[in-house]
Amino acid sequence: MALSKMKIAFILLFGLQLTGCSWVKLTSAGKNVYISNAAAIASCKKLGSTTVALQGAMPGIKPKQKTVEKELGTLARNSGASMGGNTIVPTSEIKNGEKSFDVYNCASI
C-alpha cells in the first residue's frame, strides 16, 4: 500500500516536532544580541519592547516547552537586532505561544 505525499509529509513533520527540532533560524545580526536579566542592564539604554510568537503549530501536537522557549528567544534576538539592540530581557512568561522582551543597547557588551 503506497502512502500519499501528504501522509508522508505529516509523518515527517510529526517526527520533527517530537524530537524538538528548531524551525526558527538566528540571523547574523541576531547572533550579536544576548538574553540577559534585569540586574545586568542598569547602565543600558532601553530601545523599546518586542513581543514574539510562534506561528503555525500543528493541531493536536504540543511542542516541547524547552523548544518553545528556545525558539521564542531566537525570534526575540532577531527582533532586538532589527531594533538596534544588543541585549534583550524577558518581561513575561510564555502565554499562548507568545513572550515579551525589552530591548536594550548596552555599551559594555
C-alpha atoms as a PDB file:
ATOM      1  CA  MET A   1       0.000   0.000   0.000  1.00  0.00           C
ATOM      2  CA  ALA A   2       1.520   3.330  -1.071  1.00  0.00           C
ATOM      3  CA  LEU A   3       1.399   6.348   1.205  1.00  0.00           C
ATOM      4  CA  SER A   4       0.288   9.640  -0.246  1.00  0.00           C
ATOM      5  CA  LYS A   5       2.719  12.559  -0.275  1.00  0.00           C
ATOM      6  CA  MET A   6       0.515  14.354   2.271  1.00  0.00           C
ATOM      7  CA  LYS A   7       0.688  11.435   4.713  1.00  0.00           C
ATOM      8  CA  ILE A   8       4.453  11.205   4.336  1.00  0.00           C
ATOM      9  CA  ALA A   9       4.826  14.960   4.935  1.00  0.00           C
ATOM     10  CA  PHE A  10       2.635  14.741   8.032  1.00  0.00           C
ATOM     11  CA  ILE A  11       4.635  11.817   9.421  1.00  0.00           C
ATOM     12  CA  LEU A  12       7.918  13.679   8.864  1.00  0.00           C
ATOM     13  CA  LEU A  13       6.630  16.892  10.449  1.00  0.00           C
ATOM     14  CA  PHE A  14       5.207  14.967  13.382  1.00  0.00           C
ATOM     15  CA  GLY A  15       8.555  13.254  13.921  1.00  0.00           C
ATOM     16  CA  LEU A  16      10.421  16.552  13.820  1.00  0.00           C
ATOM     17  CA  GLN A  17       8.050  18.069  16.370  1.00  0.00           C
ATOM     18  CA  LEU A  18       8.618  15.167  18.739  1.00  0.00           C
ATOM     19  CA  THR A  19      12.372  15.496  18.517  1.00  0.00           C
ATOM     20  CA  GLY A  20      12.260  19.199  19.328  1.00  0.00           C
ATOM     21  CA  CYS A  21      13.844  20.395  16.092  1.00  0.00           C
ATOM     22  CA  SER A  22      14.068  24.130  15.704  1.00  0.00           C
ATOM     23  CA  TRP A  23      12.292  25.876  12.839  1.00  0.00           C
ATOM     24  CA  VAL A  24      13.492  29.384  13.735  1.00  0.00           C
ATOM     25  CA  LYS A  25      16.904  30.459  12.463  1.00  0.00           C
ATOM     26  CA  LEU A  26      19.095  33.005  14.219  1.00  0.00           C
ATOM     27  CA  THR A  27      20.119  35.781  11.834  1.00  0.00           C
ATOM     28  CA  SER A  28      23.700  37.003  11.636  1.00  0.00           C
ATOM     29  CA  ALA A  29      22.613  40.222  13.397  1.00  0.00           C
ATOM     30  CA  GLY A  30      20.677  38.216  15.997  1.00  0.00           C
ATOM     31  CA  LYS A  31      23.885  36.396  16.937  1.00  0.00           C
ATOM     32  CA  ASN A  32      25.104  39.690  18.436  1.00  0.00           C
ATOM     33  CA  VAL A  33      22.094  40.013  20.770  1.00  0.00           C
ATOM     34  CA  TYR A  34      22.257  38.427  24.214  1.00  0.00           C
ATOM     35  CA  ILE A  35      19.471  37.334  26.540  1.00  0.00           C
ATOM     36  CA  SER A  36      20.105  38.844  29.959  1.00  0.00           C
ATOM     37  CA  ASN A  37      18.260  39.726  33.164  1.00  0.00           C
ATOM     38  CA  ALA A  38      17.063  42.957  34.723  1.00  0.00           C
ATOM     39  CA  ALA A  39      20.011  43.170  37.138  1.00  0.00           C
ATOM     40  CA  ALA A  40      22.559  43.233  34.304  1.00  0.00           C
ATOM     41  CA  ILE A  41      21.113  46.134  32.288  1.00  0.00           C
ATOM     42  CA  ALA A  42      21.331  49.009  34.801  1.00  0.00           C
ATOM     43  CA  SER A  43      23.651  51.085  32.601  1.00  0.00           C
ATOM     44  CA  CYS A  44      21.998  50.177  29.296  1.00  0.00           C
ATOM     45  CA  LYS A  45      19.717  52.303  27.129  1.00  0.00           C
ATOM     46  CA  LYS A  46      16.237  50.889  26.630  1.00  0.00           C
ATOM     47  CA  LEU A  47      15.240  50.974  22.960  1.00  0.00           C
ATOM     48  CA  GLY A  48      11.747  49.527  23.261  1.00  0.00           C
ATOM     49  CA  SER A  49       9.878  46.271  23.609  1.00  0.00           C
ATOM     50  CA  THR A  50       9.046  43.346  21.398  1.00  0.00           C
ATOM     51  CA  THR A  51       6.548  40.519  21.647  1.00  0.00           C
ATOM     52  CA  VAL A  52       7.349  37.408  19.671  1.00  0.00           C
ATOM     53  CA  ALA A  53       5.102  34.469  18.871  1.00  0.00           C
ATOM     54  CA  LEU A  54       5.367  31.047  17.320  1.00  0.00           C
ATOM     55  CA  GLN A  55       3.055  30.544  14.382  1.00  0.00           C
ATOM     56  CA  GLY A  56       1.774  27.510  12.568  1.00  0.00           C
ATOM     57  CA  ALA A  57       1.682  24.855  15.268  1.00  0.00           C
ATOM     58  CA  MET A  58       0.247  21.601  14.040  1.00  0.00           C
ATOM     59  CA  PRO A  59      -3.172  20.829  15.532  1.00  0.00           C
ATOM     60  CA  GLY A  60      -3.027  18.188  18.233  1.00  0.00           C
ATOM     61  CA  ILE A  61       0.757  18.379  18.605  1.00  0.00           C
ATOM     62  CA  LYS A  62       2.137  20.151  21.641  1.00  0.00           C
ATOM     63  CA  PRO A  63       5.791  21.134  21.151  1.00  0.00           C
ATOM     64  CA  LYS A  64       8.276  20.640  23.959  1.00  0.00           C
ATOM     65  CA  GLN A  65       8.462  23.571  26.397  1.00  0.00           C
ATOM     66  CA  LYS A  66      12.239  23.778  26.011  1.00  0.00           C
ATOM     67  CA  THR A  67      11.883  24.041  22.228  1.00  0.00           C
ATOM     68  CA  VAL A  68       9.246  26.776  22.511  1.00  0.00           C
ATOM     69  CA  GLU A  69      11.448  28.739  24.941  1.00  0.00           C
ATOM     70  CA  LYS A  70      14.472  28.426  22.650  1.00  0.00           C
ATOM     71  CA  GLU A  71      12.587  29.454  19.515  1.00  0.00           C
ATOM     72  CA  LEU A  72      10.959  32.451  21.203  1.00  0.00           C
ATOM     73  CA  GLY A  73      14.407  33.526  22.425  1.00  0.00           C
ATOM     74  CA  THR A  74      15.759  33.237  18.889  1.00  0.00           C
ATOM     75  CA  LEU A  75      12.868  35.287  17.486  1.00  0.00           C
ATOM     76  CA  ALA A  76      13.415  37.912  20.205  1.00  0.00           C
ATOM     77  CA  ARG A  77      17.152  38.108  19.483  1.00  0.00           C
ATOM     78  CA  ASN A  78      16.407  38.628  15.783  1.00  0.00           C
ATOM     79  CA  SER A  79      13.805  41.277  16.632  1.00  0.00           C
ATOM     80  CA  GLY A  80      16.142  43.005  19.092  1.00  0.00           C
ATOM     81  CA  ALA A  81      18.822  43.196  16.413  1.00  0.00           C
ATOM     82  CA  SER A  82      16.400  44.792  13.958  1.00  0.00           C
ATOM     83  CA  MET A  83      15.686  47.442  16.620  1.00  0.00           C
ATOM     84  CA  GLY A  84      19.400  48.212  17.038  1.00  0.00           C
ATOM     85  CA  GLY A  85      19.763  46.414  20.352  1.00  0.00           C
ATOM     86  CA  ASN A  86      22.395  44.051  21.640  1.00  0.00           C
ATOM     87  CA  THR A  87      20.616  42.800  24.770  1.00  0.00           C
ATOM     88  CA  ILE A  88      17.100  41.555  25.487  1.00  0.00           C
ATOM     89  CA  VAL A  89      15.431  40.884  28.817  1.00  0.00           C
ATOM     90  CA  PRO A  90      12.304  38.719  29.153  1.00  0.00           C
ATOM     91  CA  THR A  91       9.383  40.628  30.655  1.00  0.00           C
ATOM     92  CA  SER A  92       6.719  37.926  30.590  1.00  0.00           C
ATOM     93  CA  GLU A  93       6.188  34.214  30.763  1.00  0.00           C
ATOM     94  CA  ILE A  94       5.111  32.236  27.703  1.00  0.00           C
ATOM     95  CA  LYS A  95       1.370  32.548  27.165  1.00  0.00           C
ATOM     96  CA  ASN A  96      -0.412  31.165  24.108  1.00  0.00           C
ATOM     97  CA  GLY A  97       2.907  30.806  22.296  1.00  0.00           C
ATOM     98  CA  GLU A  98       3.913  34.446  22.930  1.00  0.00           C
ATOM     99  CA  LYS A  99       6.562  36.078  25.101  1.00  0.00           C
ATOM    100  CA  SER A 100       7.566  39.718  25.599  1.00  0.00           C
ATOM    101  CA  PHE A 101      11.048  41.191  25.920  1.00  0.00           C
ATOM    102  CA  ASP A 102      12.563  44.623  26.497  1.00  0.00           C
ATOM    103  CA  VAL A 103      15.326  45.574  24.057  1.00  0.00           C
ATOM    104  CA  TYR A 104      18.458  47.415  25.204  1.00  0.00           C
ATOM    105  CA  ASN A 105      21.683  48.772  23.805  1.00  0.00           C
ATOM    106  CA  CYS A 106      24.455  48.112  26.314  1.00  0.00           C
ATOM    107  CA  ALA A 107      27.833  49.759  25.767  1.00  0.00           C
ATOM    108  CA  SER A 108      29.595  47.114  27.859  1.00  0.00           C
ATOM    109  CA  ILE A 109      28.554  44.250  25.565  1.00  0.00           C
END
